[in-house]
């Protein structure tokens, strides 16, 4: 897809009503600091449209990016070790759940996993939970540039095994630095919204 127009159209907080969008939505989930904002920026060909931070838990809202008046990329708050209270974490969880249950336009959920590490308990829970909602999550294995080429197959297998992925589940290794995997992700999204 050639990006002609991007608009951060809606920002939903804990108490916000979800937008009644008419365009297809593709959501991005992952733990804090896994690279969701970096991925979204890479997909949009922008340096810092989605706010990136070294501090885990920067995205605390659900952000709807309207792309070319054709679709939405939906950036979900990170889960896991963000330095926030348990109460806030629970509220974010409820907010994500409300979105996954409530969106009439959600077409796919991309789950981001750091390729350098085995999936955490939180990653496994999120994977199982997305599956239980009736979606087959598409796995994006981020931070690919941090590995030697020779390490990639072993780490891809570790992610697949760690999540107990179905054989047909798609996994795309991705680097925000080199943009490796970007075209594959766009091809998949174009198919999904077609």
N, C-alpha and C. Protein backbone atom coordinates (compact mmCIF):
# COMPACT_ATOMS: atom_id res chain seq x y z
N UNK A 1 0.84 -1.19 0.00
CA UNK A 1 0.00 0.00 0.00
C UNK A 1 0.88 1.25 0.00
N UNK A 2 0.54 2.18 -0.85
CA UNK A 2 1.24 3.46 -0.86
C UNK A 2 0.49 4.38 0.09
N UNK A 3 1.20 4.87 1.09
CA UNK A 3 0.56 5.70 2.12
C UNK A 3 0.47 7.14 1.62
N UNK A 4 -0.74 7.60 1.43
CA UNK A 4 -0.94 8.98 0.99
C UNK A 4 -1.39 9.86 2.14
N UNK A 5 -2.14 9.26 3.05
CA UNK A 5 -2.73 10.07 4.12
C UNK A 5 -2.82 9.26 5.40
N UNK A 6 -2.35 9.85 6.50
CA UNK A 6 -2.44 9.23 7.82
C UNK A 6 -3.08 10.23 8.76
N UNK A 7 -3.96 9.72 9.60
CA UNK A 7 -4.57 10.60 10.58
C UNK A 7 -4.78 9.83 11.88
N UNK A 8 -4.18 10.31 12.97
CA UNK A 8 -4.49 9.74 14.27
C UNK A 8 -5.88 10.27 14.61
N UNK A 9 -6.88 9.42 14.34
CA UNK A 9 -8.26 9.89 14.33
C UNK A 9 -8.92 9.81 15.70
N UNK A 10 -8.65 8.72 16.43
CA UNK A 10 -9.32 8.52 17.71
C UNK A 10 -8.32 8.01 18.74
N UNK A 11 -8.39 8.56 19.93
CA UNK A 11 -7.60 8.07 21.06
C UNK A 11 -8.59 7.70 22.16
N UNK A 12 -8.63 6.41 22.51
CA UNK A 12 -9.58 5.93 23.52
C UNK A 12 -8.86 5.64 24.82
N UNK A 13 -9.33 6.28 25.87
CA UNK A 13 -8.81 5.99 27.21
C UNK A 13 -9.70 4.96 27.89
N UNK A 14 -9.43 4.77 29.16
CA UNK A 14 -10.12 3.74 29.93
C UNK A 14 -11.64 3.93 29.93
N UNK A 15 -12.09 5.18 29.97
CA UNK A 15 -13.54 5.43 30.07
C UNK A 15 -14.17 5.82 28.73
N UNK A 16 -13.34 5.93 27.67
CA UNK A 16 -13.87 6.38 26.37
C UNK A 16 -14.77 5.34 25.74
N UNK A 17 -15.71 5.83 24.95
CA UNK A 17 -16.55 4.95 24.13
C UNK A 17 -15.73 4.60 22.89
N UNK A 18 -15.78 3.35 22.48
CA UNK A 18 -15.05 2.95 21.27
C UNK A 18 -15.69 3.60 20.05
N UNK A 19 -14.88 3.98 19.05
CA UNK A 19 -15.46 4.61 17.87
C UNK A 19 -16.29 3.62 17.06
N UNK A 20 -17.28 4.12 16.36
CA UNK A 20 -18.13 3.28 15.52
C UNK A 20 -17.59 3.36 14.09
N UNK A 21 -16.41 2.78 13.88
CA UNK A 21 -15.75 2.90 12.58
C UNK A 21 -16.46 2.06 11.52
N UNK A 22 -16.34 2.50 10.28
CA UNK A 22 -16.93 1.74 9.17
C UNK A 22 -15.83 1.10 8.31
N UNK A 23 -14.57 1.42 8.59
CA UNK A 23 -13.45 0.86 7.82
C UNK A 23 -12.85 -0.33 8.58
N UNK A 24 -12.22 -1.27 7.86
CA UNK A 24 -11.59 -2.42 8.53
C UNK A 24 -10.48 -1.96 9.48
N UNK A 25 -10.35 -2.70 10.59
CA UNK A 25 -9.33 -2.39 11.59
C UNK A 25 -8.39 -3.58 11.74
N UNK A 26 -7.11 -3.26 11.90
CA UNK A 26 -6.09 -4.28 12.20
C UNK A 26 -5.40 -3.83 13.47
N UNK A 27 -5.45 -4.68 14.50
CA UNK A 27 -4.93 -4.31 15.82
C UNK A 27 -3.54 -4.90 16.05
N UNK A 28 -2.76 -4.17 16.84
CA UNK A 28 -1.41 -4.58 17.21
C UNK A 28 -1.32 -4.67 18.73
N UNK A 29 -1.02 -5.88 19.21
CA UNK A 29 -0.90 -6.13 20.65
C UNK A 29 0.51 -6.61 20.93
N UNK A 30 0.93 -6.43 22.16
CA UNK A 30 2.26 -6.90 22.56
C UNK A 30 2.62 -6.31 23.89
N UNK A 31 3.62 -6.91 24.54
CA UNK A 31 3.96 -6.38 25.86
C UNK A 31 4.67 -5.05 25.73
N UNK A 32 4.75 -4.34 26.83
CA UNK A 32 5.40 -3.04 26.86
C UNK A 32 6.82 -3.17 26.31
N UNK A 33 7.20 -2.22 25.47
CA UNK A 33 8.55 -2.12 24.91
C UNK A 33 8.91 -3.19 23.88
N UNK A 34 7.91 -3.88 23.33
CA UNK A 34 8.21 -4.91 22.32
C UNK A 34 8.43 -4.28 20.94
N UNK A 35 7.99 -3.01 20.78
CA UNK A 35 8.20 -2.33 19.51
C UNK A 35 6.95 -2.09 18.69
N UNK A 36 5.78 -1.99 19.35
CA UNK A 36 4.53 -1.75 18.61
C UNK A 36 4.57 -0.41 17.89
N UNK A 37 4.94 0.65 18.63
CA UNK A 37 4.97 1.98 18.01
C UNK A 37 6.00 2.04 16.89
N UNK A 38 7.15 1.39 17.09
CA UNK A 38 8.19 1.36 16.04
C UNK A 38 7.68 0.64 14.79
N UNK A 39 6.96 -0.47 15.00
CA UNK A 39 6.39 -1.21 13.88
C UNK A 39 5.39 -0.33 13.13
N UNK A 40 4.49 0.31 13.88
CA UNK A 40 3.47 1.14 13.25
C UNK A 40 4.13 2.29 12.47
N UNK A 41 5.16 2.91 13.05
CA UNK A 41 5.89 3.96 12.33
C UNK A 41 6.52 3.42 11.05
N UNK A 42 7.11 2.22 11.14
CA UNK A 42 7.74 1.61 9.95
C UNK A 42 6.68 1.32 8.88
N UNK A 43 5.53 0.81 9.30
CA UNK A 43 4.46 0.52 8.33
C UNK A 43 3.96 1.80 7.67
N UNK A 44 3.91 2.89 8.44
CA UNK A 44 3.40 4.16 7.91
C UNK A 44 4.50 4.97 7.23
N UNK A 45 5.72 4.43 7.21
CA UNK A 45 6.85 5.15 6.63
C UNK A 45 7.10 6.49 7.31
N UNK A 46 6.92 6.52 8.61
CA UNK A 46 7.13 7.75 9.37
C UNK A 46 8.15 7.47 10.47
N UNK A 47 8.88 8.50 10.86
CA UNK A 47 9.87 8.34 11.92
C UNK A 47 9.23 8.25 13.29
N UNK A 48 8.33 9.18 13.59
CA UNK A 48 7.83 9.22 14.96
C UNK A 48 6.37 9.67 15.01
N UNK A 49 5.55 9.04 14.19
CA UNK A 49 4.12 9.38 14.23
C UNK A 49 3.50 8.77 15.48
N UNK A 50 3.75 7.46 15.66
CA UNK A 50 3.35 6.81 16.91
C UNK A 50 4.47 7.09 17.91
N UNK A 51 4.12 7.56 19.11
CA UNK A 51 5.15 7.96 20.07
C UNK A 51 5.92 6.76 20.59
N UNK A 52 7.24 6.87 20.46
CA UNK A 52 8.13 5.79 20.91
C UNK A 52 8.80 6.25 22.20
N UNK A 53 9.01 5.32 23.10
CA UNK A 53 9.66 5.67 24.35
C UNK A 53 10.49 4.51 24.84
N UNK A 54 11.58 4.84 25.52
CA UNK A 54 12.39 3.79 26.16
C UNK A 54 11.70 3.32 27.44
N UNK A 55 10.73 4.10 27.89
CA UNK A 55 9.99 3.74 29.10
C UNK A 55 8.85 2.80 28.75
N UNK A 56 8.84 1.59 29.29
CA UNK A 56 7.73 0.68 29.02
C UNK A 56 6.40 1.29 29.44
N UNK A 57 5.36 1.01 28.68
CA UNK A 57 4.02 1.44 29.06
C UNK A 57 3.68 2.84 28.62
N UNK A 58 4.35 3.34 27.59
CA UNK A 58 4.09 4.70 27.11
C UNK A 58 2.69 4.79 26.48
N UNK A 59 2.33 3.78 25.69
CA UNK A 59 1.00 3.79 25.08
C UNK A 59 -0.01 3.33 26.13
N UNK A 60 -0.84 4.26 26.59
CA UNK A 60 -1.81 3.93 27.64
C UNK A 60 -3.23 4.08 27.13
N UNK A 61 -3.36 4.28 25.83
CA UNK A 61 -4.66 4.46 25.20
C UNK A 61 -4.72 3.54 23.98
N UNK A 62 -5.91 3.39 23.42
CA UNK A 62 -6.04 2.68 22.15
C UNK A 62 -6.05 3.76 21.08
N UNK A 63 -5.07 3.70 20.19
CA UNK A 63 -4.90 4.74 19.17
C UNK A 63 -5.30 4.21 17.80
N UNK A 64 -6.22 4.92 17.14
CA UNK A 64 -6.73 4.51 15.83
C UNK A 64 -6.11 5.40 14.75
N UNK A 65 -5.25 4.81 13.90
CA UNK A 65 -4.62 5.55 12.81
C UNK A 65 -5.37 5.25 11.52
N UNK A 66 -5.98 6.27 10.95
CA UNK A 66 -6.69 6.11 9.68
C UNK A 66 -5.66 6.20 8.55
N UNK A 67 -5.59 5.13 7.77
CA UNK A 67 -4.63 5.06 6.66
C UNK A 67 -5.38 5.19 5.34
N UNK A 68 -5.12 6.27 4.61
CA UNK A 68 -5.69 6.49 3.26
C UNK A 68 -7.21 6.42 3.20
N UNK A 69 -7.89 6.66 4.33
CA UNK A 69 -9.35 6.52 4.35
C UNK A 69 -9.78 5.11 3.91
N UNK A 70 -8.88 4.12 4.11
CA UNK A 70 -9.15 2.74 3.65
C UNK A 70 -9.17 1.74 4.80
N UNK A 71 -8.46 2.05 5.89
CA UNK A 71 -8.34 1.11 7.00
C UNK A 71 -7.80 1.82 8.24
N UNK A 72 -7.88 1.13 9.38
CA UNK A 72 -7.28 1.63 10.61
C UNK A 72 -6.21 0.67 11.10
N UNK A 73 -5.07 1.23 11.50
CA UNK A 73 -4.10 0.49 12.30
C UNK A 73 -4.42 0.88 13.74
N UNK A 74 -4.61 -0.12 14.59
CA UNK A 74 -5.03 0.14 15.97
C UNK A 74 -3.91 -0.30 16.92
N UNK A 75 -3.35 0.68 17.61
CA UNK A 75 -2.24 0.46 18.54
C UNK A 75 -2.83 0.27 19.94
N UNK A 76 -2.71 -0.95 20.47
CA UNK A 76 -3.25 -1.27 21.80
C UNK A 76 -2.18 -1.01 22.87
N UNK A 77 -2.60 -0.69 24.10
CA UNK A 77 -1.61 -0.48 25.17
C UNK A 77 -0.81 -1.75 25.40
N UNK A 78 0.45 -1.59 25.76
CA UNK A 78 1.31 -2.74 26.05
C UNK A 78 0.90 -3.39 27.36
N UNK A 79 1.11 -4.70 27.43
CA UNK A 79 0.83 -5.41 28.68
C UNK A 79 2.16 -5.81 29.30
N UNK A 80 2.14 -6.28 30.51
CA UNK A 80 3.36 -6.78 31.12
C UNK A 80 3.94 -5.84 32.14
N UNK A 81 5.24 -5.57 32.01
CA UNK A 81 5.97 -4.99 33.13
C UNK A 81 5.99 -3.47 33.20
N UNK A 82 5.05 -2.80 32.58
CA UNK A 82 5.03 -1.33 32.66
C UNK A 82 4.95 -0.90 34.12
N UNK A 83 5.65 0.17 34.43
CA UNK A 83 5.70 0.64 35.82
C UNK A 83 4.43 1.40 36.16
N UNK A 84 3.35 0.67 36.23
CA UNK A 84 2.07 1.26 36.62
C UNK A 84 1.45 0.37 37.69
N UNK A 85 0.46 0.89 38.36
CA UNK A 85 -0.19 0.13 39.44
C UNK A 85 -0.95 -1.06 38.87
N UNK A 86 -1.18 -2.04 39.74
CA UNK A 86 -1.98 -3.21 39.36
C UNK A 86 -3.36 -2.78 38.89
N UNK A 87 -3.92 -1.75 39.55
CA UNK A 87 -5.24 -1.24 39.21
C UNK A 87 -5.25 -0.75 37.76
N UNK A 88 -4.20 0.03 37.40
CA UNK A 88 -4.11 0.55 36.02
C UNK A 88 -3.96 -0.60 35.02
N UNK A 89 -3.11 -1.59 35.36
CA UNK A 89 -2.91 -2.74 34.47
C UNK A 89 -4.24 -3.44 34.21
N UNK A 90 -5.02 -3.63 35.29
CA UNK A 90 -6.33 -4.28 35.15
C UNK A 90 -7.25 -3.45 34.24
N UNK A 91 -7.19 -2.13 34.41
CA UNK A 91 -8.03 -1.25 33.58
C UNK A 91 -7.62 -1.34 32.10
N UNK A 92 -6.29 -1.39 31.85
CA UNK A 92 -5.82 -1.54 30.46
C UNK A 92 -6.31 -2.86 29.89
N UNK A 93 -6.22 -3.92 30.72
CA UNK A 93 -6.68 -5.25 30.29
C UNK A 93 -8.15 -5.21 29.90
N UNK A 94 -8.95 -4.57 30.76
CA UNK A 94 -10.39 -4.45 30.47
C UNK A 94 -10.63 -3.65 29.20
N UNK A 95 -9.82 -2.59 29.02
CA UNK A 95 -9.96 -1.74 27.83
C UNK A 95 -9.65 -2.54 26.55
N UNK A 96 -8.58 -3.34 26.60
CA UNK A 96 -8.21 -4.17 25.44
C UNK A 96 -9.30 -5.20 25.17
N UNK A 97 -9.78 -5.82 26.25
CA UNK A 97 -10.84 -6.83 26.14
C UNK A 97 -12.10 -6.22 25.52
N UNK A 98 -12.46 -5.05 26.01
CA UNK A 98 -13.65 -4.35 25.50
C UNK A 98 -13.50 -4.08 23.99
N UNK A 99 -12.28 -3.69 23.60
CA UNK A 99 -12.04 -3.42 22.17
C UNK A 99 -12.14 -4.71 21.35
N UNK A 100 -11.45 -5.76 21.79
CA UNK A 100 -11.45 -7.02 21.02
C UNK A 100 -12.86 -7.61 20.93
N UNK A 101 -13.65 -7.45 21.99
CA UNK A 101 -15.04 -7.93 21.98
C UNK A 101 -15.95 -7.00 21.19
N UNK A 102 -15.70 -5.69 21.33
CA UNK A 102 -16.68 -4.71 20.88
C UNK A 102 -16.51 -4.18 19.47
N UNK A 103 -15.32 -4.31 18.89
CA UNK A 103 -15.13 -3.73 17.56
C UNK A 103 -15.84 -4.58 16.50
N UNK A 104 -16.67 -3.92 15.70
CA UNK A 104 -17.36 -4.63 14.61
C UNK A 104 -16.48 -4.72 13.37
N UNK A 105 -15.41 -3.92 13.34
CA UNK A 105 -14.57 -3.85 12.13
C UNK A 105 -13.22 -4.55 12.26
N UNK A 106 -12.95 -5.14 13.43
CA UNK A 106 -11.65 -5.78 13.64
C UNK A 106 -11.50 -6.99 12.72
N UNK A 107 -10.48 -6.97 11.89
CA UNK A 107 -10.26 -8.05 10.92
C UNK A 107 -9.13 -8.99 11.33
N UNK A 108 -8.13 -8.47 12.06
CA UNK A 108 -6.98 -9.30 12.43
C UNK A 108 -6.27 -8.68 13.63
N UNK A 109 -5.62 -9.56 14.40
CA UNK A 109 -4.80 -9.10 15.51
C UNK A 109 -3.37 -9.60 15.27
N UNK A 110 -2.45 -8.65 15.24
CA UNK A 110 -1.03 -8.97 15.15
C UNK A 110 -0.49 -8.94 16.58
N UNK A 111 0.16 -10.03 16.98
CA UNK A 111 0.75 -10.10 18.31
C UNK A 111 2.26 -10.02 18.16
N UNK A 112 2.86 -9.02 18.79
CA UNK A 112 4.30 -8.80 18.69
C UNK A 112 5.01 -9.49 19.83
N UNK A 113 6.06 -10.24 19.47
CA UNK A 113 6.87 -10.97 20.44
C UNK A 113 8.33 -10.62 20.15
N UNK A 114 9.11 -10.34 21.18
CA UNK A 114 10.54 -10.05 21.02
C UNK A 114 11.24 -11.35 20.65
N UNK A 115 11.81 -11.39 19.44
CA UNK A 115 12.42 -12.63 18.92
C UNK A 115 13.63 -13.08 19.76
N UNK A 116 14.21 -12.17 20.54
CA UNK A 116 15.43 -12.51 21.29
C UNK A 116 15.15 -13.39 22.51
N UNK A 117 13.88 -13.40 22.94
CA UNK A 117 13.54 -14.11 24.19
C UNK A 117 12.42 -15.11 23.96
N UNK A 118 12.40 -16.14 24.78
CA UNK A 118 11.26 -17.06 24.76
C UNK A 118 10.02 -16.26 25.17
N UNK A 119 8.84 -16.59 24.63
CA UNK A 119 7.62 -15.88 25.02
C UNK A 119 7.41 -15.96 26.53
N UNK A 120 6.99 -14.83 27.12
CA UNK A 120 6.74 -14.76 28.57
C UNK A 120 5.37 -15.37 28.87
N UNK A 121 5.09 -15.53 30.15
CA UNK A 121 3.77 -16.01 30.58
C UNK A 121 2.69 -15.06 30.07
N UNK A 122 2.97 -13.74 30.13
CA UNK A 122 2.02 -12.75 29.61
C UNK A 122 1.78 -12.92 28.11
N UNK A 123 2.86 -13.20 27.37
CA UNK A 123 2.73 -13.42 25.91
C UNK A 123 1.84 -14.63 25.65
N UNK A 124 2.08 -15.71 26.39
CA UNK A 124 1.29 -16.94 26.20
C UNK A 124 -0.17 -16.69 26.53
N UNK A 125 -0.40 -15.98 27.64
CA UNK A 125 -1.78 -15.66 28.04
C UNK A 125 -2.48 -14.85 26.94
N UNK A 126 -1.79 -13.84 26.42
CA UNK A 126 -2.37 -12.98 25.39
C UNK A 126 -2.66 -13.80 24.12
N UNK A 127 -1.73 -14.66 23.73
CA UNK A 127 -1.91 -15.51 22.54
C UNK A 127 -3.15 -16.39 22.71
N UNK A 128 -3.24 -17.05 23.88
CA UNK A 128 -4.38 -17.94 24.14
C UNK A 128 -5.68 -17.15 24.18
N UNK A 129 -5.60 -15.96 24.77
CA UNK A 129 -6.79 -15.12 24.93
C UNK A 129 -7.30 -14.64 23.56
N UNK A 130 -6.38 -14.20 22.69
CA UNK A 130 -6.77 -13.74 21.34
C UNK A 130 -7.41 -14.90 20.58
N UNK A 131 -6.80 -16.08 20.71
CA UNK A 131 -7.33 -17.28 20.06
C UNK A 131 -8.73 -17.60 20.59
N UNK A 132 -8.91 -17.46 21.90
CA UNK A 132 -10.22 -17.74 22.52
C UNK A 132 -11.29 -16.74 22.04
N UNK A 133 -10.85 -15.56 21.58
CA UNK A 133 -11.80 -14.56 21.06
C UNK A 133 -12.19 -14.86 19.61
N UNK A 134 -11.63 -15.94 19.06
CA UNK A 134 -12.00 -16.33 17.70
C UNK A 134 -11.06 -15.80 16.63
N UNK A 135 -9.94 -15.21 17.05
CA UNK A 135 -8.96 -14.72 16.07
C UNK A 135 -7.77 -15.66 16.03
N UNK A 136 -7.13 -15.75 14.87
CA UNK A 136 -5.85 -16.44 14.78
C UNK A 136 -4.81 -15.33 14.76
N UNK A 137 -4.10 -15.13 15.87
CA UNK A 137 -3.14 -14.02 15.88
C UNK A 137 -2.02 -14.25 14.86
N UNK A 138 -1.61 -13.18 14.23
CA UNK A 138 -0.45 -13.22 13.33
C UNK A 138 0.72 -12.74 14.17
N UNK A 139 1.76 -13.54 14.24
CA UNK A 139 2.88 -13.22 15.12
C UNK A 139 3.93 -12.42 14.37
N UNK A 140 4.31 -11.28 14.96
CA UNK A 140 5.42 -10.49 14.44
C UNK A 140 6.55 -10.64 15.45
N UNK A 141 7.65 -11.25 15.03
CA UNK A 141 8.81 -11.44 15.90
C UNK A 141 9.72 -10.22 15.71
N UNK A 142 9.65 -9.28 16.67
CA UNK A 142 10.33 -7.99 16.53
C UNK A 142 11.81 -8.06 16.94
N UNK A 143 12.50 -6.97 16.65
CA UNK A 143 13.91 -6.75 17.04
C UNK A 143 14.83 -7.76 16.35
N UNK A 144 14.48 -8.12 15.14
CA UNK A 144 15.24 -9.08 14.34
C UNK A 144 16.69 -8.64 14.14
N UNK A 145 16.90 -7.32 13.99
CA UNK A 145 18.26 -6.80 13.74
C UNK A 145 19.20 -7.02 14.92
N UNK A 146 18.65 -7.37 16.09
CA UNK A 146 19.49 -7.59 17.28
C UNK A 146 20.09 -9.01 17.32
N UNK A 147 19.69 -9.85 16.35
CA UNK A 147 20.20 -11.23 16.30
C UNK A 147 21.16 -11.41 15.13
N UNK A 148 22.08 -12.37 15.27
CA UNK A 148 22.89 -12.80 14.12
C UNK A 148 21.97 -13.66 13.24
N UNK A 149 22.22 -13.62 11.93
CA UNK A 149 21.39 -14.41 11.00
C UNK A 149 21.30 -15.87 11.42
N UNK A 150 22.42 -16.41 11.90
CA UNK A 150 22.47 -17.83 12.27
C UNK A 150 21.56 -18.16 13.47
N UNK A 151 21.22 -17.14 14.28
CA UNK A 151 20.39 -17.37 15.47
C UNK A 151 18.89 -17.37 15.15
N UNK A 152 18.54 -16.81 13.99
CA UNK A 152 17.12 -16.58 13.68
C UNK A 152 16.28 -17.87 13.68
N UNK A 153 16.67 -18.93 12.95
CA UNK A 153 15.83 -20.14 12.93
C UNK A 153 15.56 -20.71 14.33
N UNK A 154 16.59 -20.73 15.18
CA UNK A 154 16.45 -21.26 16.54
C UNK A 154 15.45 -20.40 17.32
N UNK A 155 15.53 -19.07 17.19
CA UNK A 155 14.64 -18.18 17.94
C UNK A 155 13.20 -18.22 17.41
N UNK A 156 13.06 -18.38 16.09
CA UNK A 156 11.71 -18.52 15.50
C UNK A 156 11.06 -19.78 16.07
N UNK A 157 11.84 -20.86 16.14
CA UNK A 157 11.32 -22.11 16.70
C UNK A 157 10.96 -21.93 18.19
N UNK A 158 11.79 -21.18 18.92
CA UNK A 158 11.54 -20.94 20.35
C UNK A 158 10.22 -20.17 20.54
N UNK A 159 9.95 -19.21 19.65
CA UNK A 159 8.69 -18.45 19.73
C UNK A 159 7.51 -19.37 19.42
N UNK A 160 7.64 -20.14 18.32
CA UNK A 160 6.57 -21.08 17.94
C UNK A 160 6.27 -22.07 19.06
N UNK A 161 7.34 -22.67 19.61
CA UNK A 161 7.16 -23.66 20.67
C UNK A 161 6.62 -23.02 21.95
N UNK A 162 7.17 -21.85 22.29
CA UNK A 162 6.78 -21.16 23.52
C UNK A 162 5.31 -20.77 23.54
N UNK A 163 4.77 -20.44 22.37
CA UNK A 163 3.35 -20.06 22.28
C UNK A 163 2.46 -21.27 21.96
N UNK A 164 3.10 -22.43 21.72
CA UNK A 164 2.36 -23.62 21.27
C UNK A 164 1.49 -23.27 20.05
N UNK A 165 2.15 -22.62 19.06
CA UNK A 165 1.45 -22.14 17.87
C UNK A 165 0.98 -23.29 17.00
N UNK A 166 -0.17 -23.09 16.38
CA UNK A 166 -0.63 -24.02 15.34
C UNK A 166 0.33 -23.90 14.17
N UNK A 167 0.52 -25.00 13.43
CA UNK A 167 1.47 -24.99 12.30
C UNK A 167 1.17 -23.90 11.28
N UNK A 168 -0.15 -23.68 11.03
CA UNK A 168 -0.52 -22.72 9.99
C UNK A 168 -0.48 -21.26 10.43
N UNK A 169 -0.22 -21.03 11.73
CA UNK A 169 -0.15 -19.65 12.23
C UNK A 169 1.05 -18.95 11.59
N UNK A 170 0.80 -17.76 11.09
CA UNK A 170 1.85 -17.00 10.40
C UNK A 170 2.75 -16.32 11.42
N UNK A 171 4.06 -16.41 11.19
CA UNK A 171 5.05 -15.71 11.99
C UNK A 171 5.97 -14.96 11.03
N UNK A 172 6.10 -13.66 11.25
CA UNK A 172 6.96 -12.83 10.39
C UNK A 172 8.05 -12.18 11.24
N UNK A 173 9.32 -12.56 11.00
CA UNK A 173 10.41 -11.84 11.67
C UNK A 173 10.46 -10.41 11.13
N UNK A 174 10.67 -9.43 12.04
CA UNK A 174 10.59 -8.02 11.63
C UNK A 174 11.66 -7.19 12.34
N UNK A 175 12.19 -6.23 11.59
CA UNK A 175 13.11 -5.26 12.17
C UNK A 175 12.66 -3.85 11.81
N UNK A 176 12.44 -3.02 12.83
CA UNK A 176 12.08 -1.61 12.58
C UNK A 176 13.29 -0.85 12.03
N UNK A 177 14.49 -1.34 12.35
CA UNK A 177 15.73 -0.69 11.88
C UNK A 177 15.92 -0.88 10.38
N UNK A 178 15.88 -2.16 9.94
CA UNK A 178 16.18 -2.48 8.54
C UNK A 178 14.92 -2.55 7.67
N UNK A 179 13.75 -2.55 8.31
CA UNK A 179 12.44 -2.68 7.66
C UNK A 179 12.21 -4.09 7.10
N UNK A 180 13.08 -5.04 7.46
CA UNK A 180 12.86 -6.42 7.01
C UNK A 180 11.54 -6.93 7.58
N UNK A 181 10.70 -7.51 6.71
CA UNK A 181 9.40 -8.02 7.11
C UNK A 181 8.26 -7.05 6.82
N UNK A 182 8.59 -5.77 6.59
CA UNK A 182 7.56 -4.74 6.38
C UNK A 182 6.66 -5.05 5.18
N UNK A 183 7.27 -5.41 4.05
CA UNK A 183 6.49 -5.68 2.84
C UNK A 183 5.57 -6.89 3.03
N UNK A 184 6.09 -7.91 3.71
CA UNK A 184 5.27 -9.11 4.00
C UNK A 184 4.05 -8.73 4.84
N UNK A 185 4.27 -7.88 5.83
CA UNK A 185 3.16 -7.47 6.71
C UNK A 185 2.12 -6.70 5.90
N UNK A 186 2.58 -5.78 5.03
CA UNK A 186 1.63 -5.02 4.21
C UNK A 186 0.86 -5.92 3.25
N UNK A 187 1.55 -6.88 2.64
CA UNK A 187 0.87 -7.82 1.71
C UNK A 187 -0.24 -8.54 2.45
N UNK A 188 0.07 -8.98 3.66
CA UNK A 188 -0.91 -9.70 4.50
C UNK A 188 -2.08 -8.79 4.84
N UNK A 189 -1.78 -7.54 5.24
CA UNK A 189 -2.86 -6.61 5.60
C UNK A 189 -3.72 -6.29 4.38
N UNK A 190 -3.09 -6.11 3.23
CA UNK A 190 -3.87 -5.85 1.99
C UNK A 190 -4.82 -7.00 1.70
N UNK A 191 -4.34 -8.25 1.88
CA UNK A 191 -5.19 -9.44 1.68
C UNK A 191 -6.35 -9.43 2.67
N UNK A 192 -6.03 -9.12 3.94
CA UNK A 192 -7.03 -9.16 5.01
C UNK A 192 -8.16 -8.16 4.75
N UNK A 193 -7.81 -6.95 4.30
CA UNK A 193 -8.85 -5.94 4.13
C UNK A 193 -9.50 -5.98 2.76
N UNK A 194 -8.95 -6.80 1.84
CA UNK A 194 -9.51 -6.86 0.48
C UNK A 194 -10.91 -7.47 0.50
